[in-house]
């Protein structure tokens, strides 16, 4: 799975059946960012052996810096 945070940064994680994971990200600048997730799953019924899907996760609006 790849999560693109909308600011040119991304995270990649591999999963096995039943696994879960949490992602977090810090934005450097104020702005609006559209997050997208890309999923690639091994699929023995697909001639290429892979099923790919992407979907919009949501929009993040960064208004300022939080406490440090």
N, C-alpha and C. Protein backbone atom coordinates (compact mmCIF):
# COMPACT_ATOMS: atom_id res chain seq x y z
N UNK A 1 0.85 -1.16 0.00
CA UNK A 1 0.00 0.00 0.00
C UNK A 1 0.90 1.23 0.00
N UNK A 2 0.53 2.19 -0.78
CA UNK A 2 1.23 3.47 -0.82
C UNK A 2 0.23 4.56 -0.45
N UNK A 3 0.61 5.44 0.46
CA UNK A 3 -0.20 6.60 0.78
C UNK A 3 0.57 7.82 0.29
N UNK A 4 -0.04 8.58 -0.61
CA UNK A 4 0.53 9.84 -1.05
C UNK A 4 -0.19 10.94 -0.29
N UNK A 5 0.58 11.77 0.40
CA UNK A 5 0.02 12.77 1.31
C UNK A 5 -0.41 14.05 0.61
N UNK A 6 -0.09 14.21 -0.67
CA UNK A 6 -0.52 15.38 -1.43
C UNK A 6 0.49 16.50 -1.44
N UNK A 7 1.61 16.31 -0.73
CA UNK A 7 2.66 17.34 -0.71
C UNK A 7 3.97 16.83 -1.32
N UNK A 8 3.86 15.77 -2.12
CA UNK A 8 5.05 15.20 -2.74
C UNK A 8 5.70 14.11 -1.91
N UNK A 9 5.18 13.84 -0.72
CA UNK A 9 5.71 12.81 0.16
C UNK A 9 4.77 11.61 0.15
N UNK A 10 5.31 10.45 0.46
CA UNK A 10 4.50 9.25 0.51
C UNK A 10 5.08 8.23 1.47
N UNK A 11 4.29 7.27 1.86
CA UNK A 11 4.71 6.17 2.71
C UNK A 11 4.29 4.87 2.06
N UNK A 12 5.10 3.83 2.26
CA UNK A 12 4.82 2.51 1.69
C UNK A 12 4.78 1.50 2.84
N UNK A 13 3.82 0.60 2.79
CA UNK A 13 3.73 -0.47 3.79
C UNK A 13 3.32 -1.76 3.08
N UNK A 14 3.86 -2.87 3.54
CA UNK A 14 3.48 -4.19 3.04
C UNK A 14 2.65 -4.88 4.11
N UNK A 15 1.65 -5.61 3.67
CA UNK A 15 0.73 -6.28 4.59
C UNK A 15 0.58 -7.74 4.21
N UNK A 16 0.33 -8.56 5.20
CA UNK A 16 -0.10 -9.94 5.02
C UNK A 16 -1.56 -10.00 5.47
N UNK A 17 -2.30 -11.04 5.08
CA UNK A 17 -3.71 -11.14 5.51
C UNK A 17 -3.84 -10.97 7.02
N UNK A 18 -4.75 -10.13 7.44
CA UNK A 18 -5.01 -9.88 8.85
C UNK A 18 -4.16 -8.79 9.46
N UNK A 19 -3.16 -8.28 8.74
CA UNK A 19 -2.31 -7.21 9.26
C UNK A 19 -3.04 -5.88 9.24
N UNK A 20 -2.58 -4.96 10.08
CA UNK A 20 -3.08 -3.59 10.05
C UNK A 20 -1.90 -2.66 10.31
N UNK A 21 -2.07 -1.41 9.97
CA UNK A 21 -1.01 -0.44 10.17
C UNK A 21 -1.62 0.94 10.30
N UNK A 22 -0.90 1.83 10.98
CA UNK A 22 -1.32 3.22 11.09
C UNK A 22 -0.28 4.09 10.41
N UNK A 23 -0.74 5.12 9.73
CA UNK A 23 0.14 6.06 9.07
C UNK A 23 -0.01 7.42 9.75
N UNK A 24 1.08 8.18 9.78
CA UNK A 24 0.99 9.56 10.23
C UNK A 24 1.94 10.39 9.39
N UNK A 25 1.66 11.68 9.31
CA UNK A 25 2.46 12.56 8.46
C UNK A 25 2.39 13.98 9.01
N UNK A 26 3.51 14.69 8.93
CA UNK A 26 3.57 16.10 9.32
C UNK A 26 3.77 16.94 8.07
N UNK A 27 2.94 17.94 7.91
CA UNK A 27 3.05 18.84 6.76
C UNK A 27 3.95 20.01 7.12
N UNK A 28 4.77 20.43 6.17
CA UNK A 28 5.72 21.53 6.38
C UNK A 28 5.11 22.89 6.15
N UNK A 29 4.05 22.95 5.33
CA UNK A 29 3.49 24.24 4.94
C UNK A 29 1.97 24.26 5.10
N UNK A 30 1.45 25.44 5.34
CA UNK A 30 0.01 25.67 5.35
C UNK A 30 -0.52 25.40 3.95
N UNK A 31 -1.71 24.82 3.84
CA UNK A 31 -2.29 24.59 2.52
C UNK A 31 -3.33 23.49 2.57
N UNK A 32 -3.85 23.14 1.40
CA UNK A 32 -4.82 22.08 1.24
C UNK A 32 -4.17 20.95 0.46
N UNK A 33 -4.28 19.73 0.96
CA UNK A 33 -3.61 18.58 0.38
C UNK A 33 -4.62 17.46 0.15
N UNK A 34 -4.56 16.84 -1.02
CA UNK A 34 -5.43 15.72 -1.35
C UNK A 34 -4.65 14.42 -1.17
N UNK A 35 -5.11 13.58 -0.26
CA UNK A 35 -4.45 12.31 0.01
C UNK A 35 -5.02 11.22 -0.88
N UNK A 36 -4.13 10.33 -1.36
CA UNK A 36 -4.52 9.20 -2.20
C UNK A 36 -3.84 7.94 -1.70
N UNK A 37 -4.55 6.83 -1.72
CA UNK A 37 -3.99 5.52 -1.36
C UNK A 37 -3.98 4.64 -2.61
N UNK A 38 -2.91 3.90 -2.78
CA UNK A 38 -2.76 2.95 -3.87
C UNK A 38 -2.57 1.57 -3.26
N UNK A 39 -3.38 0.62 -3.70
CA UNK A 39 -3.32 -0.73 -3.16
C UNK A 39 -2.98 -1.68 -4.31
N UNK A 40 -2.04 -2.58 -4.05
CA UNK A 40 -1.65 -3.59 -5.03
C UNK A 40 -1.70 -4.94 -4.31
N UNK A 41 -2.50 -5.87 -4.83
CA UNK A 41 -2.72 -7.16 -4.17
C UNK A 41 -2.38 -8.28 -5.15
N UNK A 42 -1.64 -9.26 -4.68
CA UNK A 42 -1.38 -10.45 -5.50
C UNK A 42 -2.71 -11.13 -5.80
N UNK A 43 -2.96 -11.43 -7.07
CA UNK A 43 -4.23 -12.00 -7.48
C UNK A 43 -3.97 -13.13 -8.47
N UNK A 44 -4.08 -14.39 -8.05
CA UNK A 44 -3.80 -15.50 -8.95
C UNK A 44 -4.79 -15.63 -10.10
N UNK A 45 -5.95 -14.95 -10.03
CA UNK A 45 -6.92 -15.03 -11.12
C UNK A 45 -6.62 -14.00 -12.21
N UNK A 46 -5.71 -13.07 -11.94
CA UNK A 46 -5.34 -12.03 -12.90
C UNK A 46 -4.13 -12.51 -13.69
N UNK A 47 -4.17 -12.44 -15.03
CA UNK A 47 -3.03 -12.90 -15.82
C UNK A 47 -1.71 -12.21 -15.45
N UNK A 48 -1.78 -10.98 -14.98
CA UNK A 48 -0.57 -10.28 -14.57
C UNK A 48 -0.21 -10.59 -13.12
N UNK A 49 -1.10 -11.28 -12.41
CA UNK A 49 -0.83 -11.67 -11.04
C UNK A 49 -1.02 -10.58 -10.00
N UNK A 50 -1.51 -9.41 -10.43
CA UNK A 50 -1.64 -8.29 -9.51
C UNK A 50 -2.95 -7.56 -9.76
N UNK A 51 -3.63 -7.20 -8.70
CA UNK A 51 -4.83 -6.37 -8.77
C UNK A 51 -4.44 -5.01 -8.20
N UNK A 52 -4.63 -3.94 -8.95
CA UNK A 52 -4.27 -2.61 -8.49
C UNK A 52 -5.51 -1.73 -8.38
N UNK A 53 -5.55 -0.91 -7.34
CA UNK A 53 -6.67 0.00 -7.13
C UNK A 53 -6.15 1.25 -6.44
N UNK A 54 -6.66 2.40 -6.82
CA UNK A 54 -6.34 3.64 -6.11
C UNK A 54 -7.64 4.32 -5.72
N UNK A 55 -7.61 5.07 -4.63
CA UNK A 55 -8.80 5.80 -4.22
C UNK A 55 -8.39 7.03 -3.42
N UNK A 56 -9.22 8.05 -3.51
CA UNK A 56 -8.99 9.28 -2.75
C UNK A 56 -9.32 9.01 -1.29
N UNK A 57 -8.41 9.36 -0.40
CA UNK A 57 -8.63 9.16 1.03
C UNK A 57 -9.38 10.36 1.60
N UNK A 58 -9.01 11.55 1.16
CA UNK A 58 -9.67 12.75 1.66
C UNK A 58 -8.80 13.97 1.46
N UNK A 59 -9.27 15.08 1.95
CA UNK A 59 -8.56 16.35 1.84
C UNK A 59 -8.16 16.81 3.24
N UNK A 60 -6.93 17.27 3.35
CA UNK A 60 -6.42 17.79 4.62
C UNK A 60 -6.18 19.28 4.44
N UNK A 61 -6.67 20.08 5.38
CA UNK A 61 -6.41 21.52 5.37
C UNK A 61 -5.51 21.86 6.55
N UNK A 62 -4.31 22.31 6.24
CA UNK A 62 -3.34 22.68 7.26
C UNK A 62 -3.41 24.19 7.43
N UNK A 63 -3.80 24.64 8.63
CA UNK A 63 -3.99 26.07 8.86
C UNK A 63 -2.79 26.71 9.56
N UNK A 64 -1.99 25.96 10.25
CA UNK A 64 -0.85 26.52 10.96
C UNK A 64 -0.13 25.45 11.74
N UNK A 65 0.91 25.85 12.40
CA UNK A 65 1.73 24.91 13.16
C UNK A 65 1.11 24.65 14.53
N UNK A 66 1.16 23.39 14.95
CA UNK A 66 0.68 23.02 16.27
C UNK A 66 1.77 23.20 17.30
N UNK A 67 1.48 22.90 18.56
CA UNK A 67 2.50 23.03 19.62
C UNK A 67 3.64 22.05 19.38
N UNK A 68 4.82 22.45 19.79
CA UNK A 68 6.00 21.59 19.63
C UNK A 68 6.42 21.02 20.94
